[in-house]
Structures are given as structure tokens and as C-alpha cells.
Amino acid sequence: YGGDPAARDEAMARLPTLAIVARDGLEVPDE
């Protein structure tokens, strides 16, 4: 996001409901 945390936060706030597949040992939010 051009190195801008505020732009990142704005973009992430626009994401729809997330469904995240855990893999390669990376943590994901339980919800």
C-alpha cells in the first residue's frame, strides 16, 4: 500500500468476510 499503514488499514476494512486456509505453519485468526 505504498508503505502507508493507514492505506493498508483502509483497504483491509473494505475486505468482505474472510475465510483463511491455514498452511505451512502460519497462524490465522480462529474466527
ModelCIF file with pLDDT and N, C-alpha, C, O atoms, coordinates in Angstrom:
data_MODEL
#
_entry.id   MODEL 
#
_entity.id                         1 
_entity.type                       polymer 
_entity.pdbx_number_of_molecules   1 
#
_entity_poly.entity_id                      1 
_entity_poly.type                           'polypeptide(L)' 
_entity_poly.nstd_linkage                   no 
_entity_poly.nstd_monomer                   no 
_entity_poly.pdbx_seq_one_letter_code       YGGDPAARDEAMARLPTLAIVARDGLEVPDE 
_entity_poly.pdbx_seq_one_letter_code_can   YGGDPAARDEAMARLPTLAIVARDGLEVPDE 
_entity_poly.pdbx_strand_id                 A 
#
loop_
_entity_poly_seq.entity_id 
_entity_poly_seq.num 
_entity_poly_seq.mon_id 
_entity_poly_seq.hetero 
1 1  TYR n 
1 2  GLY n 
1 3  GLY n 
1 4  ASP n 
1 5  PRO n 
1 6  ALA n 
1 7  ALA n 
1 8  ARG n 
1 9  ASP n 
1 10 GLU n 
1 11 ALA n 
1 12 MET n 
1 13 ALA n 
1 14 ARG n 
1 15 LEU n 
1 16 PRO n 
1 17 THR n 
1 18 LEU n 
1 19 ALA n 
1 20 ILE n 
1 21 VAL n 
1 22 ALA n 
1 23 ARG n 
1 24 ASP n 
1 25 GLY n 
1 26 LEU n 
1 27 GLU n 
1 28 VAL n 
1 29 PRO n 
1 30 ASP n 
1 31 GLU n 
#
_struct_asym.id          A 
_struct_asym.entity_id   1 
#
loop_
_ma_qa_metric.id 
_ma_qa_metric.mode 
_ma_qa_metric.name 
_ma_qa_metric.software_group_id 
_ma_qa_metric.type 
1 global pLDDT . pLDDT 
2 local  pLDDT . pLDDT 
#
_ma_qa_metric_global.metric_id      1 
_ma_qa_metric_global.metric_value   92.61 
_ma_qa_metric_global.model_id       1 
_ma_qa_metric_global.ordinal_id     1 
#
loop_
_ma_qa_metric_local.label_asym_id 
_ma_qa_metric_local.label_comp_id 
_ma_qa_metric_local.label_seq_id 
_ma_qa_metric_local.metric_id 
_ma_qa_metric_local.metric_value 
_ma_qa_metric_local.model_id 
_ma_qa_metric_local.ordinal_id 
A TYR 1  2 93.00 1 1  
A GLY 2  2 93.00 1 2  
A GLY 3  2 96.00 1 3  
A ASP 4  2 96.00 1 4  
A PRO 5  2 97.00 1 5  
A ALA 6  2 97.00 1 6  
A ALA 7  2 96.00 1 7  
A ARG 8  2 96.00 1 8  
A ASP 9  2 97.00 1 9  
A GLU 10 2 97.00 1 10 
A ALA 11 2 96.00 1 11 
A MET 12 2 95.00 1 12 
A ALA 13 2 96.00 1 13 
A ARG 14 2 96.00 1 14 
A LEU 15 2 97.00 1 15 
A PRO 16 2 97.00 1 16 
A THR 17 2 97.00 1 17 
A LEU 18 2 97.00 1 18 
A ALA 19 2 96.00 1 19 
A ILE 20 2 94.00 1 20 
A VAL 21 2 89.00 1 21 
A ALA 22 2 85.00 1 22 
A ARG 23 2 80.00 1 23 
A ASP 24 2 75.00 1 24 
A GLY 25 2 81.00 1 25 
A LEU 26 2 86.00 1 26 
A GLU 27 2 86.00 1 27 
A VAL 28 2 89.00 1 28 
A PRO 29 2 93.00 1 29 
A ASP 30 2 93.00 1 30 
A GLU 31 2 95.00 1 31 
#
loop_
_atom_site.group_PDB 
_atom_site.id 
_atom_site.type_symbol 
_atom_site.label_atom_id 
_atom_site.label_alt_id 
_atom_site.label_comp_id 
_atom_site.label_asym_id 
_atom_site.label_entity_id 
_atom_site.label_seq_id 
_atom_site.pdbx_PDB_ins_code 
_atom_site.Cartn_x 
_atom_site.Cartn_y 
_atom_site.Cartn_z 
_atom_site.occupancy 
_atom_site.B_iso_or_equiv 
_atom_site.pdbx_formal_charge 
_atom_site.auth_seq_id 
_atom_site.auth_comp_id 
_atom_site.auth_asym_id 
_atom_site.auth_atom_id 
_atom_site.pdbx_PDB_model_num 
ATOM 1   N N  . TYR A 1 1  ? 0.841   -1.201  0.000  1.00 93.00 ? 1  TYR A N  1 
ATOM 2   C CA . TYR A 1 1  ? 0.000   0.000   0.000  1.00 93.00 ? 1  TYR A CA 1 
ATOM 3   C C  . TYR A 1 1  ? 0.875   1.249   0.000  1.00 93.00 ? 1  TYR A C  1 
ATOM 4   O O  . TYR A 1 1  ? 0.546   2.252   0.633  1.00 93.00 ? 1  TYR A O  1 
ATOM 5   N N  . GLY A 1 2  ? 1.981   1.174   -0.711 1.00 93.00 ? 2  GLY A N  1 
ATOM 6   C CA . GLY A 1 2  ? 2.901   2.298   -0.785 1.00 93.00 ? 2  GLY A CA 1 
ATOM 7   C C  . GLY A 1 2  ? 3.594   2.582   0.531  1.00 93.00 ? 2  GLY A C  1 
ATOM 8   O O  . GLY A 1 2  ? 4.048   3.703   0.761  1.00 93.00 ? 2  GLY A O  1 
ATOM 9   N N  . GLY A 1 3  ? 3.686   1.575   1.409  1.00 96.00 ? 3  GLY A N  1 
ATOM 10  C CA . GLY A 1 3  ? 4.340   1.756   2.697  1.00 96.00 ? 3  GLY A CA 1 
ATOM 11  C C  . GLY A 1 3  ? 3.489   2.510   3.712  1.00 96.00 ? 3  GLY A C  1 
ATOM 12  O O  . GLY A 1 3  ? 3.982   2.893   4.773  1.00 96.00 ? 3  GLY A O  1 
ATOM 13  N N  . ASP A 1 4  ? 2.225   2.722   3.394  1.00 96.00 ? 4  ASP A N  1 
ATOM 14  C CA . ASP A 1 4  ? 1.341   3.533   4.228  1.00 96.00 ? 4  ASP A CA 1 
ATOM 15  C C  . ASP A 1 4  ? 0.408   2.641   5.062  1.00 96.00 ? 4  ASP A C  1 
ATOM 16  O O  . ASP A 1 4  ? -0.534  2.063   4.519  1.00 96.00 ? 4  ASP A O  1 
ATOM 17  N N  . PRO A 1 5  ? 0.661   2.521   6.380  1.00 97.00 ? 5  PRO A N  1 
ATOM 18  C CA . PRO A 1 5  ? -0.208  1.694   7.228  1.00 97.00 ? 5  PRO A CA 1 
ATOM 19  C C  . PRO A 1 5  ? -1.673  2.145   7.214  1.00 97.00 ? 5  PRO A C  1 
ATOM 20  O O  . PRO A 1 5  ? -2.572  1.312   7.327  1.00 97.00 ? 5  PRO A O  1 
ATOM 21  N N  . ALA A 1 6  ? -1.924  3.448   7.076  1.00 97.00 ? 6  ALA A N  1 
ATOM 22  C CA . ALA A 1 6  ? -3.311  3.936   7.033  1.00 97.00 ? 6  ALA A CA 1 
ATOM 23  C C  . ALA A 1 6  ? -4.012  3.445   5.764  1.00 97.00 ? 6  ALA A C  1 
ATOM 24  O O  . ALA A 1 6  ? -5.185  3.073   5.805  1.00 97.00 ? 6  ALA A O  1 
ATOM 25  N N  . ALA A 1 7  ? -3.294  3.445   4.639  1.00 96.00 ? 7  ALA A N  1 
ATOM 26  C CA . ALA A 1 7  ? -3.875  2.936   3.386  1.00 96.00 ? 7  ALA A CA 1 
ATOM 27  C C  . ALA A 1 7  ? -4.144  1.446   3.511  1.00 96.00 ? 7  ALA A C  1 
ATOM 28  O O  . ALA A 1 7  ? -5.165  0.953   3.032  1.00 96.00 ? 7  ALA A O  1 
ATOM 29  N N  . ARG A 1 8  ? -3.223  0.721   4.159  1.00 96.00 ? 8  ARG A N  1 
ATOM 30  C CA . ARG A 1 8  ? -3.427  -0.709  4.395  1.00 96.00 ? 8  ARG A CA 1 
ATOM 31  C C  . ARG A 1 8  ? -4.673  -0.935  5.246  1.00 96.00 ? 8  ARG A C  1 
ATOM 32  O O  . ARG A 1 8  ? -5.499  -1.791  4.926  1.00 96.00 ? 8  ARG A O  1 
ATOM 33  N N  . ASP A 1 9  ? -4.808  -0.177  6.318  1.00 97.00 ? 9  ASP A N  1 
ATOM 34  C CA . ASP A 1 9  ? -5.946  -0.335  7.217  1.00 97.00 ? 9  ASP A CA 1 
ATOM 35  C C  . ASP A 1 9  ? -7.263  -0.038  6.500  1.00 97.00 ? 9  ASP A C  1 
ATOM 36  O O  . ASP A 1 9  ? -8.262  -0.723  6.717  1.00 97.00 ? 9  ASP A O  1 
ATOM 37  N N  . GLU A 1 10 ? -7.256  0.982   5.649  1.00 97.00 ? 10 GLU A N  1 
ATOM 38  C CA . GLU A 1 10 ? -8.463  1.334   4.888  1.00 97.00 ? 10 GLU A CA 1 
ATOM 39  C C  . GLU A 1 10 ? -8.836  0.198   3.942  1.00 97.00 ? 10 GLU A C  1 
ATOM 40  O O  . GLU A 1 10 ? -10.005 -0.175  3.843  1.00 97.00 ? 10 GLU A O  1 
ATOM 41  N N  . ALA A 1 11 ? -7.848  -0.346  3.251  1.00 96.00 ? 11 ALA A N  1 
ATOM 42  C CA . ALA A 1 11 ? -8.107  -1.446  2.320  1.00 96.00 ? 11 ALA A CA 1 
ATOM 43  C C  . ALA A 1 11 ? -8.610  -2.680  3.071  1.00 96.00 ? 11 ALA A C  1 
ATOM 44  O O  . ALA A 1 11 ? -9.561  -3.328  2.632  1.00 96.00 ? 11 ALA A O  1 
ATOM 45  N N  . MET A 1 12 ? -7.982  -3.004  4.189  1.00 95.00 ? 12 MET A N  1 
ATOM 46  C CA . MET A 1 12 ? -8.390  -4.187  4.955  1.00 95.00 ? 12 MET A CA 1 
ATOM 47  C C  . MET A 1 12 ? -9.794  -4.028  5.527  1.00 95.00 ? 12 MET A C  1 
ATOM 48  O O  . MET A 1 12 ? -10.522 -5.010  5.669  1.00 95.00 ? 12 MET A O  1 
ATOM 49  N N  . ALA A 1 13 ? -10.175 -2.804  5.852  1.00 96.00 ? 13 ALA A N  1 
ATOM 50  C CA . ALA A 1 13 ? -11.524 -2.561  6.371  1.00 96.00 ? 13 ALA A CA 1 
ATOM 51  C C  . ALA A 1 13 ? -12.585 -2.818  5.301  1.00 96.00 ? 13 ALA A C  1 
ATOM 52  O O  . ALA A 1 13 ? -13.742 -3.088  5.623  1.00 96.00 ? 13 ALA A O  1 
ATOM 53  N N  . ARG A 1 14 ? -12.194 -2.734  4.036  1.00 96.00 ? 14 ARG A N  1 
ATOM 54  C CA . ARG A 1 14 ? -13.136 -2.968  2.936  1.00 96.00 ? 14 ARG A CA 1 
ATOM 55  C C  . ARG A 1 14 ? -13.277 -4.440  2.555  1.00 96.00 ? 14 ARG A C  1 
ATOM 56  O O  . ARG A 1 14 ? -14.142 -4.794  1.754  1.00 96.00 ? 14 ARG A O  1 
ATOM 57  N N  . LEU A 1 15 ? -12.427 -5.300  3.127  1.00 97.00 ? 15 LEU A N  1 
ATOM 58  C CA . LEU A 1 15 ? -12.493 -6.719  2.783  1.00 97.00 ? 15 LEU A CA 1 
ATOM 59  C C  . LEU A 1 15 ? -13.820 -7.316  3.222  1.00 97.00 ? 15 LEU A C  1 
ATOM 60  O O  . LEU A 1 15 ? -14.343 -6.961  4.278  1.00 97.00 ? 15 LEU A O  1 
ATOM 61  N N  . PRO A 1 16 ? -14.366 -8.219  2.420  1.00 97.00 ? 16 PRO A N  1 
ATOM 62  C CA . PRO A 1 16 ? -15.572 -8.927  2.873  1.00 97.00 ? 16 PRO A CA 1 
ATOM 63  C C  . PRO A 1 16 ? -15.194 -9.930  3.966  1.00 97.00 ? 16 PRO A C  1 
ATOM 64  O O  . PRO A 1 16 ? -14.047 -9.967  4.411  1.00 97.00 ? 16 PRO A O  1 
ATOM 65  N N  . THR A 1 17 ? -16.145 -10.725 4.388  1.00 97.00 ? 17 THR A N  1 
ATOM 66  C CA . THR A 1 17 ? -15.863 -11.783 5.355  1.00 97.00 ? 17 THR A CA 1 
ATOM 67  C C  . THR A 1 17 ? -14.706 -12.621 4.838  1.00 97.00 ? 17 THR A C  1 
ATOM 68  O O  . THR A 1 17 ? -14.651 -12.964 3.657  1.00 97.00 ? 17 THR A O  1 
ATOM 69  N N  . LEU A 1 18 ? -13.780 -12.946 5.736  1.00 97.00 ? 18 LEU A N  1 
ATOM 70  C CA . LEU A 1 18 ? -12.599 -13.714 5.347  1.00 97.00 ? 18 LEU A CA 1 
ATOM 71  C C  . LEU A 1 18 ? -12.744 -15.180 5.727  1.00 97.00 ? 18 LEU A C  1 
ATOM 72  O O  . LEU A 1 18 ? -13.270 -15.509 6.790  1.00 97.00 ? 18 LEU A O  1 
ATOM 73  N N  . ALA A 1 19 ? -12.274 -16.053 4.851  1.00 96.00 ? 19 ALA A N  1 
ATOM 74  C CA . ALA A 1 19 ? -12.133 -17.484 5.128  1.00 96.00 ? 19 ALA A CA 1 
ATOM 75  C C  . ALA A 1 19 ? -10.683 -17.801 4.779  1.00 96.00 ? 19 ALA A C  1 
ATOM 76  O O  . ALA A 1 19 ? -10.293 -17.761 3.613  1.00 96.00 ? 19 ALA A O  1 
ATOM 77  N N  . ILE A 1 20 ? -9.888  -18.119 5.803  1.00 94.00 ? 20 ILE A N  1 
ATOM 78  C CA . ILE A 1 20 ? -8.444  -18.273 5.627  1.00 94.00 ? 20 ILE A CA 1 
ATOM 79  C C  . ILE A 1 20 ? -8.053  -19.721 5.867  1.00 94.00 ? 20 ILE A C  1 
ATOM 80  O O  . ILE A 1 20 ? -8.353  -20.300 6.912  1.00 94.00 ? 20 ILE A O  1 
ATOM 81  N N  . VAL A 1 21 ? -7.374  -20.297 4.876  1.00 89.00 ? 21 VAL A N  1 
ATOM 82  C CA . VAL A 1 21 ? -6.900  -21.674 4.976  1.00 89.00 ? 21 VAL A CA 1 
ATOM 83  C C  . VAL A 1 21 ? -5.519  -21.669 5.604  1.00 89.00 ? 21 VAL A C  1 
ATOM 84  O O  . VAL A 1 21 ? -4.587  -21.065 5.074  1.00 89.00 ? 21 VAL A O  1 
ATOM 85  N N  . ALA A 1 22 ? -5.391  -22.353 6.749  1.00 85.00 ? 22 ALA A N  1 
ATOM 86  C CA . ALA A 1 22 ? -4.088  -22.445 7.410  1.00 85.00 ? 22 ALA A CA 1 
ATOM 87  C C  . ALA A 1 22 ? -3.180  -23.340 6.577  1.00 85.00 ? 22 ALA A C  1 
ATOM 88  O O  . ALA A 1 22 ? -3.607  -24.369 6.054  1.00 85.00 ? 22 ALA A O  1 
ATOM 89  N N  . ARG A 1 23 ? -1.934  -22.933 6.465  1.00 80.00 ? 23 ARG A N  1 
ATOM 90  C CA . ARG A 1 23 ? -0.968  -23.770 5.756  1.00 80.00 ? 23 ARG A CA 1 
ATOM 91  C C  . ARG A 1 23 ? 0.442   -23.337 6.084  1.00 80.00 ? 23 ARG A C  1 
ATOM 92  O O  . ARG A 1 23 ? 0.697   -22.210 6.507  1.00 80.00 ? 23 ARG A O  1 
ATOM 93  N N  . ASP A 1 24 ? 1.335   -24.260 5.876  1.00 75.00 ? 24 ASP A N  1 
ATOM 94  C CA . ASP A 1 24 ? 2.762   -24.010 6.074  1.00 75.00 ? 24 ASP A CA 1 
ATOM 95  C C  . ASP A 1 24 ? 3.081   -23.444 7.450  1.00 75.00 ? 24 ASP A C  1 
ATOM 96  O O  . ASP A 1 24 ? 4.028   -22.672 7.606  1.00 75.00 ? 24 ASP A O  1 
ATOM 97  N N  . GLY A 1 25 ? 2.285   -23.831 8.453  1.00 81.00 ? 25 GLY A N  1 
ATOM 98  C CA . GLY A 1 25 ? 2.560   -23.425 9.828  1.00 81.00 ? 25 GLY A CA 1 
ATOM 99  C C  . GLY A 1 25 ? 2.235   -21.985 10.159 1.00 81.00 ? 25 GLY A C  1 
ATOM 100 O O  . GLY A 1 25 ? 2.530   -21.537 11.268 1.00 81.00 ? 25 GLY A O  1 
ATOM 101 N N  . LEU A 1 26 ? 1.640   -21.243 9.243  1.00 86.00 ? 26 LEU A N  1 
ATOM 102 C CA . LEU A 1 26 ? 1.311   -19.846 9.503  1.00 86.00 ? 26 LEU A CA 1 
ATOM 103 C C  . LEU A 1 26 ? 0.037   -19.744 10.331 1.00 86.00 ? 26 LEU A C  1 
ATOM 104 O O  . LEU A 1 26 ? -0.930  -20.465 10.087 1.00 86.00 ? 26 LEU A O  1 
ATOM 105 N N  . GLU A 1 27 ? 0.041   -18.860 11.293 1.00 86.00 ? 27 GLU A N  1 
ATOM 106 C CA . GLU A 1 27 ? -1.118  -18.658 12.160 1.00 86.00 ? 27 GLU A CA 1 
ATOM 107 C C  . GLU A 1 27 ? -2.200  -17.877 11.423 1.00 86.00 ? 27 GLU A C  1 
ATOM 108 O O  . GLU A 1 27 ? -1.915  -16.987 10.620 1.00 86.00 ? 27 GLU A O  1 
ATOM 109 N N  . VAL A 1 28 ? -3.441  -18.232 11.715 1.00 89.00 ? 28 VAL A N  1 
ATOM 110 C CA . VAL A 1 28 ? -4.586  -17.481 11.200 1.00 89.00 ? 28 VAL A CA 1 
ATOM 111 C C  . VAL A 1 28 ? -5.567  -17.266 12.347 1.00 89.00 ? 28 VAL A C  1 
ATOM 112 O O  . VAL A 1 28 ? -5.634  -18.083 13.265 1.00 89.00 ? 28 VAL A O  1 
ATOM 113 N N  . PRO A 1 29 ? -6.322  -16.180 12.303 1.00 93.00 ? 29 PRO A N  1 
ATOM 114 C CA . PRO A 1 29 ? -7.307  -15.938 13.365 1.00 93.00 ? 29 PRO A CA 1 
ATOM 115 C C  . PRO A 1 29 ? -8.363  -17.052 13.374 1.00 93.00 ? 29 PRO A C  1 
ATOM 116 O O  . PRO A 1 29 ? -8.896  -17.419 12.327 1.00 93.00 ? 29 PRO A O  1 
ATOM 117 N N  . ASP A 1 30 ? -8.654  -17.576 14.549 1.00 93.00 ? 30 ASP A N  1 
ATOM 118 C CA . ASP A 1 30 ? -9.618  -18.675 14.655 1.00 93.00 ? 30 ASP A CA 1 
ATOM 119 C C  . ASP A 1 30 ? -10.964 -18.331 14.023 1.00 93.00 ? 30 ASP A C  1 
ATOM 120 O O  . ASP A 1 30 ? -11.594 -19.189 13.404 1.00 93.00 ? 30 ASP A O  1 
ATOM 121 N N  . GLU A 1 31 ? -11.410 -17.082 14.172 1.00 95.00 ? 31 GLU A N  1 
ATOM 122 C CA . GLU A 1 31 ? -12.727 -16.689 13.653 1.00 95.00 ? 31 GLU A CA 1 
ATOM 123 C C  . GLU A 1 31 ? -12.783 -16.681 12.122 1.00 95.00 ? 31 GLU A C  1 
ATOM 124 O O  . GLU A 1 31 ? -13.824 -16.371 11.544 1.00 95.00 ? 31 GLU A O  1 
#
